Amino acid sequence: MIELLRGKLADKEPGKALIDVNGVGYGVLMPERALMGLPETGAEVTLHTHLVVREDDMTLFGFLTREEREAFRVFIGVKGIGPRTALVILSTVSIDQFAQAIVTGNASLLVKIPGIGRKTAERIILEMKDRVQGLPKSKTLGATPIGDTISLQAIEALMALGVKPAVAEKAVAAAREELGDGAKVEDLIRVSLKHR
């Protein structure tokens, strides 16, 4: 099992990075959020990886943090979530947002993830209720704490207005910093719109 890659970033494209490890190029599929966190081409990178071996294929998935990789492993353990759907989840919402959706039974957040319909979202919530504690807390920039329902509501509102999830998260984090902990959700949405 390949658990870690350390080498130079040779190339990156949507959904994929090429890592040169001592002259061997590893093609690694990654969540879009993780790809955005990569340095410029030619820089040294370290990725936490998970190798999926099938009868006719070997695919390497890469993550910037152990927490992302562990969440990926929890996701692919759920019936109906394959490795590529798990990548889409990690590209669309933070680990904390996903966990909050499971805890609160918020299927409407999950159906905003491409490839997940209402029935699949409800099944994921049902199957993951007892596994949600196994999800690691994310350490990514702008991650929303699980108990911060006001920020989550603001993020959902921005997403409903067509703002991309990663942009919505950063905008709400900036607005939260500006307004402080006592902010109401309406104020948070209003100020977040200025920061996107």
Protein backbone atom coordinates (compact mmCIF):
# COMPACT_ATOMS: atom_id res chain seq x y z
CA MET A 1 0.00 0.00 0.00
CA ILE A 2 1.34 3.44 -0.93
CA GLU A 3 0.57 5.67 2.07
CA LEU A 4 2.76 8.72 1.40
CA LEU A 5 4.40 10.42 -1.58
CA ARG A 6 7.09 13.05 -1.29
CA GLY A 7 8.52 14.60 -4.43
CA LYS A 8 8.27 17.48 -6.90
CA LEU A 9 4.98 18.63 -8.34
CA ALA A 10 5.57 17.98 -12.04
CA ASP A 11 2.12 19.01 -13.28
CA LYS A 12 -1.44 19.61 -12.17
CA GLU A 13 -4.74 19.64 -14.01
CA PRO A 14 -8.38 19.52 -12.88
CA GLY A 15 -8.77 16.58 -10.52
CA LYS A 16 -5.21 15.31 -10.90
CA ALA A 17 -1.60 15.98 -9.94
CA LEU A 18 1.61 14.41 -11.27
CA ILE A 19 4.27 13.90 -8.60
CA ASP A 20 7.86 13.18 -9.61
CA VAL A 21 9.41 10.93 -6.96
CA ASN A 22 13.07 10.35 -7.89
CA GLY A 23 12.28 10.22 -11.60
CA VAL A 24 9.08 8.15 -11.31
CA GLY A 25 5.88 10.04 -12.11
CA TYR A 26 2.84 9.18 -9.99
CA GLY A 27 -0.55 10.30 -11.30
CA VAL A 28 -2.67 11.12 -8.25
CA LEU A 29 -6.39 11.92 -8.28
CA MET A 30 -7.19 14.64 -5.73
CA PRO A 31 -10.14 16.67 -4.42
CA GLU A 32 -10.31 20.14 -6.01
CA ARG A 33 -9.89 21.74 -2.56
CA ALA A 34 -6.60 19.88 -2.10
CA LEU A 35 -5.41 20.76 -5.61
CA MET A 36 -5.99 24.46 -4.85
CA GLY A 37 -3.68 24.06 -1.85
CA LEU A 38 -0.77 22.74 -3.90
CA PRO A 39 2.25 24.99 -4.52
CA GLU A 40 3.56 26.01 -7.95
CA THR A 41 4.86 23.37 -10.37
CA GLY A 42 8.41 22.30 -9.47
CA ALA A 43 7.94 22.74 -5.72
CA GLU A 44 8.37 19.93 -3.19
CA VAL A 45 5.09 18.34 -2.02
CA THR A 46 4.03 15.65 0.42
CA LEU A 47 0.75 13.83 -0.13
CA HIS A 48 -1.06 11.31 2.05
CA THR A 49 -2.33 8.65 -0.31
CA HIS A 50 -4.78 5.79 -0.66
CA LEU A 51 -4.36 3.13 -3.35
CA VAL A 52 -7.51 1.53 -4.77
CA VAL A 53 -6.78 -1.78 -6.53
CA ARG A 54 -9.38 -3.32 -8.82
CA GLU A 55 -9.21 -6.27 -11.16
CA ASP A 56 -8.21 -4.12 -14.14
CA ASP A 57 -7.07 -0.88 -12.55
CA MET A 58 -4.92 0.69 -9.82
CA THR A 59 -5.79 4.27 -8.87
CA LEU A 60 -3.88 6.44 -6.43
CA PHE A 61 -5.80 9.12 -4.52
CA GLY A 62 -3.92 11.94 -2.79
CA PHE A 63 -4.70 14.37 0.05
CA LEU A 64 -2.90 17.25 1.73
CA THR A 65 -3.77 16.04 5.23
CA ARG A 66 -4.24 12.73 7.03
CA GLU A 67 -7.69 13.96 8.07
CA GLU A 68 -8.83 14.25 4.44
CA ARG A 69 -7.53 10.75 3.71
CA GLU A 70 -9.27 9.29 6.77
CA ALA A 71 -12.55 10.97 5.79
CA PHE A 72 -12.12 9.53 2.27
CA ARG A 73 -11.71 6.06 3.79
CA VAL A 74 -14.84 6.50 5.93
CA PHE A 75 -16.81 7.66 2.87
CA ILE A 76 -15.82 4.73 0.64
CA GLY A 77 -16.89 2.36 3.42
CA VAL A 78 -20.50 3.49 2.91
CA LYS A 79 -22.64 1.60 0.38
CA GLY A 80 -23.25 3.78 -2.66
CA ILE A 81 -20.15 5.97 -2.19
CA GLY A 82 -17.27 4.98 -4.44
CA PRO A 83 -13.82 6.60 -4.52
CA ARG A 84 -14.77 9.18 -7.16
CA THR A 85 -17.93 10.21 -5.31
CA ALA A 86 -15.84 10.50 -2.12
CA LEU A 87 -13.50 12.87 -4.02
CA VAL A 88 -16.47 14.95 -5.17
CA ILE A 89 -17.70 15.20 -1.56
CA LEU A 90 -14.28 16.40 -0.37
CA SER A 91 -14.15 18.85 -3.30
CA THR A 92 -17.57 20.31 -2.53
CA VAL A 93 -17.90 20.55 1.28
CA SER A 94 -15.55 20.48 4.25
CA ILE A 95 -15.41 17.40 6.46
CA ASP A 96 -17.08 19.43 9.22
CA GLN A 97 -19.95 20.55 6.96
CA PHE A 98 -20.54 16.96 5.86
CA ALA A 99 -20.52 15.73 9.47
CA GLN A 100 -22.95 18.51 10.46
CA ALA A 101 -25.30 17.49 7.64
CA ILE A 102 -25.26 13.89 8.90
CA VAL A 103 -25.83 14.89 12.55
CA THR A 104 -28.72 17.23 11.69
CA GLY A 105 -30.16 15.00 8.93
CA ASN A 106 -29.72 17.84 6.42
CA ALA A 107 -30.25 16.03 3.10
CA SER A 108 -30.65 19.36 1.29
CA LEU A 109 -26.94 20.13 1.81
CA LEU A 110 -25.91 16.70 0.54
CA VAL A 111 -28.00 16.94 -2.65
CA LYS A 112 -25.95 20.01 -3.61
CA ILE A 113 -23.00 17.65 -4.02
CA PRO A 114 -22.81 16.62 -7.71
CA GLY A 115 -23.85 13.00 -8.20
CA ILE A 116 -25.85 12.72 -4.98
CA GLY A 117 -29.63 12.69 -5.33
CA ARG A 118 -32.28 12.88 -2.60
CA LYS A 119 -32.55 9.09 -2.10
CA THR A 120 -28.78 8.64 -1.96
CA ALA A 121 -28.47 11.57 0.48
CA GLU A 122 -31.08 10.04 2.78
CA ARG A 123 -29.36 6.65 2.63
CA ILE A 124 -25.96 8.24 3.40
CA ILE A 125 -27.45 10.04 6.43
CA LEU A 126 -29.00 6.79 7.67
CA GLU A 127 -25.84 4.72 7.13
CA MET A 128 -23.44 7.31 8.54
CA LYS A 129 -25.35 8.29 11.71
CA ASP A 130 -23.28 5.83 13.76
CA ARG A 131 -20.04 6.48 11.83
CA VAL A 132 -20.00 10.27 11.94
CA GLN A 133 -17.88 10.28 15.10
CA GLY A 134 -15.22 8.41 13.08
CA LEU A 135 -14.83 11.41 10.79
CA PRO A 136 -11.80 13.49 11.68
CA LYS A 137 -12.13 17.21 12.31
CA SER A 138 -10.77 19.04 9.29
CA LYS A 139 -7.69 21.21 9.65
CA THR A 140 -8.17 23.02 6.35
CA LEU A 141 -8.18 26.80 6.13
CA GLY A 142 -11.64 28.21 6.64
CA ALA A 143 -13.06 24.97 8.05
CA THR A 144 -16.27 25.52 9.97
CA PRO A 145 -16.51 24.02 13.47
CA ILE A 146 -19.22 21.36 13.79
CA GLY A 147 -21.16 23.29 16.42
CA ASP A 148 -21.15 26.55 14.48
CA THR A 149 -24.62 26.25 12.98
CA ILE A 150 -24.87 29.99 12.21
CA SER A 151 -21.83 29.83 9.93
CA LEU A 152 -23.17 26.65 8.33
CA GLN A 153 -26.52 28.33 7.67
CA ALA A 154 -24.73 31.28 6.09
CA ILE A 155 -22.62 28.96 3.91
CA GLU A 156 -25.75 27.08 2.80
CA ALA A 157 -27.47 30.39 1.97
CA LEU A 158 -24.51 31.51 -0.17
CA MET A 159 -24.45 28.13 -1.92
CA ALA A 160 -28.18 28.51 -2.66
CA LEU A 161 -27.29 31.83 -4.33
CA GLY A 162 -24.84 29.98 -6.58
CA VAL A 163 -21.60 30.69 -4.70
CA LYS A 164 -19.14 27.79 -4.89
CA PRO A 165 -18.74 25.94 -1.55
CA ALA A 166 -15.04 26.72 -1.05
CA VAL A 167 -15.64 30.42 -1.83
CA ALA A 168 -18.68 30.50 0.47
CA GLU A 169 -16.64 28.97 3.31
CA LYS A 170 -13.84 31.53 3.00
CA ALA A 171 -16.30 34.43 2.71
CA VAL A 172 -18.21 33.34 5.82
CA ALA A 173 -14.95 32.82 7.75
CA ALA A 174 -13.85 36.36 6.81
CA ALA A 175 -17.26 37.79 7.74
CA ARG A 176 -17.23 35.90 11.04
CA GLU A 177 -13.86 37.38 11.87
CA GLU A 178 -15.13 40.86 11.02
CA LEU A 179 -18.41 40.58 12.95
CA GLY A 180 -17.33 38.46 15.91
CA ASP A 181 -19.06 35.52 17.61
CA GLY A 182 -22.34 37.30 18.38
CA ALA A 183 -23.27 37.79 14.72
CA LYS A 184 -26.76 36.87 13.51
CA VAL A 185 -27.06 34.71 10.42
CA GLU A 186 -28.62 37.55 8.34
CA ASP A 187 -25.67 39.85 9.12
CA LEU A 188 -23.22 37.07 8.38
CA ILE A 189 -24.78 36.45 4.95
CA ARG A 190 -24.82 40.18 4.13
CA VAL A 191 -21.16 40.71 5.06
CA SER A 192 -20.10 37.40 3.46
CA LEU A 193 -21.43 38.59 0.10
CA LYS A 194 -18.90 41.47 0.23
CA HIS A 195 -16.03 39.04 0.87
CA ARG A 196 -16.68 36.55 -1.95
